[in-house]
């Protein structure tokens, strides 16, 4: 009967490297998330201002149109 092959036992040295790699990746993702949230906040304030400007212009146009149709009827 042939002898069984010996199994090579290695120390788990690769795990801390992958753990460190993962923690670096998570840190990078967190910083990217923070940057993206800041950018979104800036764009939302711009969008809000633009939206209210459009609303004011639409209201002004509708008032002018109403006054034109009211004066046209007279």
N, C-alpha and C. Protein backbone atom coordinates (compact mmCIF):
# COMPACT_ATOMS: atom_id res chain seq x y z
N UNK A 1 0.84 -1.17 0.00
CA UNK A 1 0.00 0.00 0.00
C UNK A 1 0.89 1.23 0.00
N UNK A 2 0.66 2.10 -0.93
CA UNK A 2 1.50 3.30 -0.99
C UNK A 2 1.22 4.23 0.19
N UNK A 3 2.23 4.96 0.57
CA UNK A 3 2.09 5.90 1.69
C UNK A 3 1.30 7.14 1.23
N UNK A 4 0.42 7.65 2.09
CA UNK A 4 -0.34 8.84 1.70
C UNK A 4 0.59 10.04 1.53
N UNK A 5 0.20 10.95 0.64
CA UNK A 5 1.01 12.14 0.40
C UNK A 5 0.94 13.05 1.61
N UNK A 6 2.07 13.66 1.87
CA UNK A 6 2.08 14.59 3.00
C UNK A 6 1.39 15.88 2.61
N UNK A 7 0.66 16.43 3.54
CA UNK A 7 -0.05 17.69 3.31
C UNK A 7 0.80 18.83 3.81
N UNK A 8 0.98 19.86 2.99
CA UNK A 8 1.77 21.01 3.40
C UNK A 8 0.89 21.94 4.22
N UNK A 9 1.33 22.22 5.41
CA UNK A 9 0.57 23.10 6.30
C UNK A 9 1.26 24.46 6.31
N UNK A 10 0.49 25.47 5.92
CA UNK A 10 1.04 26.82 5.86
C UNK A 10 0.36 27.68 6.92
N UNK A 11 1.10 28.63 7.40
CA UNK A 11 0.53 29.56 8.39
C UNK A 11 -0.40 30.54 7.68
N UNK A 12 -1.44 30.96 8.35
CA UNK A 12 -2.39 31.88 7.70
C UNK A 12 -1.87 33.33 7.66
N UNK A 13 -0.78 33.55 6.94
CA UNK A 13 -0.19 34.88 6.85
C UNK A 13 -0.90 35.73 5.81
N UNK A 14 -1.60 35.11 4.88
CA UNK A 14 -2.26 35.86 3.80
C UNK A 14 -3.50 36.58 4.31
N UNK A 15 -4.11 36.13 5.37
CA UNK A 15 -5.34 36.75 5.85
C UNK A 15 -5.17 38.19 6.33
N UNK A 16 -4.19 38.52 7.12
CA UNK A 16 -4.05 39.93 7.52
C UNK A 16 -3.84 40.86 6.35
N UNK A 17 -3.16 40.42 5.31
CA UNK A 17 -2.95 41.26 4.13
C UNK A 17 -4.28 41.55 3.45
N UNK A 18 -5.11 40.53 3.31
CA UNK A 18 -6.41 40.76 2.66
C UNK A 18 -7.30 41.60 3.57
N UNK A 19 -7.18 41.41 4.87
CA UNK A 19 -7.96 42.22 5.81
C UNK A 19 -7.53 43.68 5.72
N UNK A 20 -6.23 43.89 5.63
CA UNK A 20 -5.72 45.26 5.51
C UNK A 20 -6.16 45.85 4.17
N UNK A 21 -6.11 45.05 3.13
CA UNK A 21 -6.54 45.51 1.81
C UNK A 21 -8.01 45.89 1.83
N UNK A 22 -8.83 45.09 2.50
CA UNK A 22 -10.26 45.36 2.58
C UNK A 22 -10.52 46.63 3.39
N UNK A 23 -9.79 46.81 4.49
CA UNK A 23 -10.00 48.02 5.29
C UNK A 23 -9.58 49.26 4.51
N UNK A 24 -8.53 49.16 3.71
CA UNK A 24 -8.13 50.28 2.86
C UNK A 24 -9.21 50.57 1.82
N UNK A 25 -9.76 49.51 1.27
CA UNK A 25 -10.83 49.67 0.28
C UNK A 25 -12.05 50.33 0.89
N UNK A 26 -12.42 49.90 2.11
CA UNK A 26 -13.57 50.49 2.78
C UNK A 26 -13.32 51.96 3.11
N UNK A 27 -12.12 52.28 3.53
CA UNK A 27 -11.78 53.67 3.83
C UNK A 27 -11.89 54.53 2.57
N UNK A 28 -11.40 53.99 1.47
CA UNK A 28 -11.47 54.70 0.19
C UNK A 28 -12.93 54.91 -0.22
N UNK A 29 -13.75 53.88 -0.04
CA UNK A 29 -15.17 54.00 -0.38
C UNK A 29 -15.87 55.02 0.51
N UNK A 30 -15.53 55.03 1.80
CA UNK A 30 -16.15 56.00 2.70
C UNK A 30 -15.80 57.43 2.32
N UNK A 31 -14.53 57.66 1.96
CA UNK A 31 -14.14 59.02 1.57
C UNK A 31 -14.82 59.41 0.26
N UNK A 32 -14.96 58.45 -0.65
CA UNK A 32 -15.67 58.73 -1.91
C UNK A 32 -17.14 59.04 -1.66
N UNK A 33 -17.75 58.30 -0.73
CA UNK A 33 -19.14 58.55 -0.37
C UNK A 33 -19.30 59.95 0.20
N UNK A 34 -18.38 60.35 1.06
CA UNK A 34 -18.43 61.69 1.65
C UNK A 34 -18.33 62.77 0.57
N UNK A 35 -17.42 62.58 -0.39
CA UNK A 35 -17.27 63.55 -1.49
C UNK A 35 -18.53 63.62 -2.34
N UNK A 36 -19.10 62.46 -2.65
CA UNK A 36 -20.31 62.43 -3.47
C UNK A 36 -21.49 63.08 -2.75
N UNK A 37 -21.60 62.85 -1.44
CA UNK A 37 -22.68 63.49 -0.68
C UNK A 37 -22.53 65.00 -0.68
N UNK A 38 -21.30 65.49 -0.53
CA UNK A 38 -21.05 66.93 -0.56
C UNK A 38 -21.42 67.51 -1.93
N UNK A 39 -21.05 66.80 -2.99
CA UNK A 39 -21.39 67.26 -4.33
C UNK A 39 -22.90 67.27 -4.54
N UNK A 40 -23.58 66.25 -4.04
CA UNK A 40 -25.04 66.20 -4.16
C UNK A 40 -25.67 67.36 -3.42
N UNK A 41 -25.18 67.69 -2.24
CA UNK A 41 -25.72 68.81 -1.47
C UNK A 41 -25.58 70.11 -2.24
N UNK A 42 -24.39 70.32 -2.85
CA UNK A 42 -24.18 71.53 -3.65
C UNK A 42 -25.14 71.59 -4.82
N UNK A 43 -25.28 70.47 -5.54
CA UNK A 43 -26.16 70.46 -6.70
C UNK A 43 -27.62 70.61 -6.30
N UNK A 44 -28.00 70.05 -5.16
CA UNK A 44 -29.40 70.18 -4.73
C UNK A 44 -29.73 71.63 -4.42
N UNK A 45 -28.80 72.37 -3.81
CA UNK A 45 -29.08 73.77 -3.52
C UNK A 45 -29.20 74.57 -4.82
N UNK A 46 -28.33 74.26 -5.80
CA UNK A 46 -28.44 74.93 -7.10
C UNK A 46 -29.77 74.59 -7.77
N UNK A 47 -30.13 73.32 -7.72
CA UNK A 47 -31.37 72.87 -8.34
C UNK A 47 -32.57 73.53 -7.69
N UNK A 48 -32.54 73.63 -6.36
CA UNK A 48 -33.64 74.26 -5.63
C UNK A 48 -33.80 75.71 -6.06
N UNK A 49 -32.68 76.44 -6.14
CA UNK A 49 -32.74 77.84 -6.58
C UNK A 49 -33.28 77.95 -7.99
N UNK A 50 -32.81 77.08 -8.88
CA UNK A 50 -33.27 77.11 -10.27
C UNK A 50 -34.75 76.77 -10.35
N UNK A 51 -35.19 75.80 -9.57
CA UNK A 51 -36.61 75.41 -9.59
C UNK A 51 -37.49 76.56 -9.14
N UNK A 52 -37.09 77.26 -8.08
CA UNK A 52 -37.90 78.38 -7.59
C UNK A 52 -37.89 79.54 -8.58
N UNK A 53 -36.78 79.74 -9.27
CA UNK A 53 -36.73 80.77 -10.31
C UNK A 53 -37.71 80.44 -11.43
N UNK A 54 -37.73 79.18 -11.84
CA UNK A 54 -38.66 78.77 -12.89
C UNK A 54 -40.10 78.94 -12.42
N UNK A 55 -40.37 78.59 -11.18
CA UNK A 55 -41.72 78.77 -10.63
C UNK A 55 -42.14 80.24 -10.67
N UNK A 56 -41.25 81.13 -10.24
CA UNK A 56 -41.58 82.56 -10.25
C UNK A 56 -41.85 83.05 -11.67
N UNK A 57 -41.03 82.61 -12.62
CA UNK A 57 -41.22 83.03 -14.01
C UNK A 57 -42.55 82.51 -14.55
N UNK A 58 -42.89 81.26 -14.24
CA UNK A 58 -44.17 80.70 -14.70
C UNK A 58 -45.35 81.47 -14.10
N UNK A 59 -45.26 81.81 -12.83
CA UNK A 59 -46.33 82.59 -12.20
C UNK A 59 -46.47 83.96 -12.85
N UNK A 60 -45.34 84.58 -13.14
CA UNK A 60 -45.35 85.89 -13.79
C UNK A 60 -45.99 85.79 -15.17
N UNK A 61 -45.63 84.75 -15.92
CA UNK A 61 -46.20 84.56 -17.26
C UNK A 61 -47.71 84.34 -17.17
N UNK A 62 -48.14 83.53 -16.23
CA UNK A 62 -49.58 83.26 -16.11
C UNK A 62 -50.34 84.52 -15.69
N UNK A 63 -49.73 85.37 -14.83
CA UNK A 63 -50.38 86.64 -14.46
C UNK A 63 -50.51 87.55 -15.67
N UNK A 64 -49.44 87.64 -16.46
CA UNK A 64 -49.47 88.48 -17.66
C UNK A 64 -50.51 87.96 -18.64
N UNK A 65 -50.56 86.65 -18.85
CA UNK A 65 -51.55 86.07 -19.76
C UNK A 65 -52.97 86.34 -19.29
N UNK A 66 -53.21 86.20 -17.96
CA UNK A 66 -54.55 86.48 -17.41
C UNK A 66 -54.93 87.94 -17.62
N UNK A 67 -53.99 88.83 -17.38
CA UNK A 67 -54.30 90.25 -17.56
C UNK A 67 -54.54 90.58 -19.03
N UNK A 68 -53.82 89.91 -19.93
CA UNK A 68 -54.06 90.12 -21.36
C UNK A 68 -55.43 89.61 -21.77
N UNK A 69 -55.81 88.44 -21.31
CA UNK A 69 -57.13 87.90 -21.69
C UNK A 69 -58.23 88.71 -21.03
N UNK A 70 -58.02 89.23 -19.83
CA UNK A 70 -59.03 90.05 -19.16
C UNK A 70 -59.20 91.38 -19.90
N UNK A 71 -58.09 91.99 -20.32
CA UNK A 71 -58.20 93.27 -21.03
C UNK A 71 -58.70 93.07 -22.44
N UNK A 72 -58.50 91.90 -23.02
CA UNK A 72 -58.98 91.60 -24.37
C UNK A 72 -60.49 91.44 -24.39
N UNK A 73 -61.07 90.92 -23.29
CA UNK A 73 -62.51 90.71 -23.20
C UNK A 73 -63.26 92.04 -23.08
N UNK A 74 -62.63 93.04 -22.52
CA UNK A 74 -63.33 94.32 -22.29
C UNK A 74 -63.48 95.12 -23.52
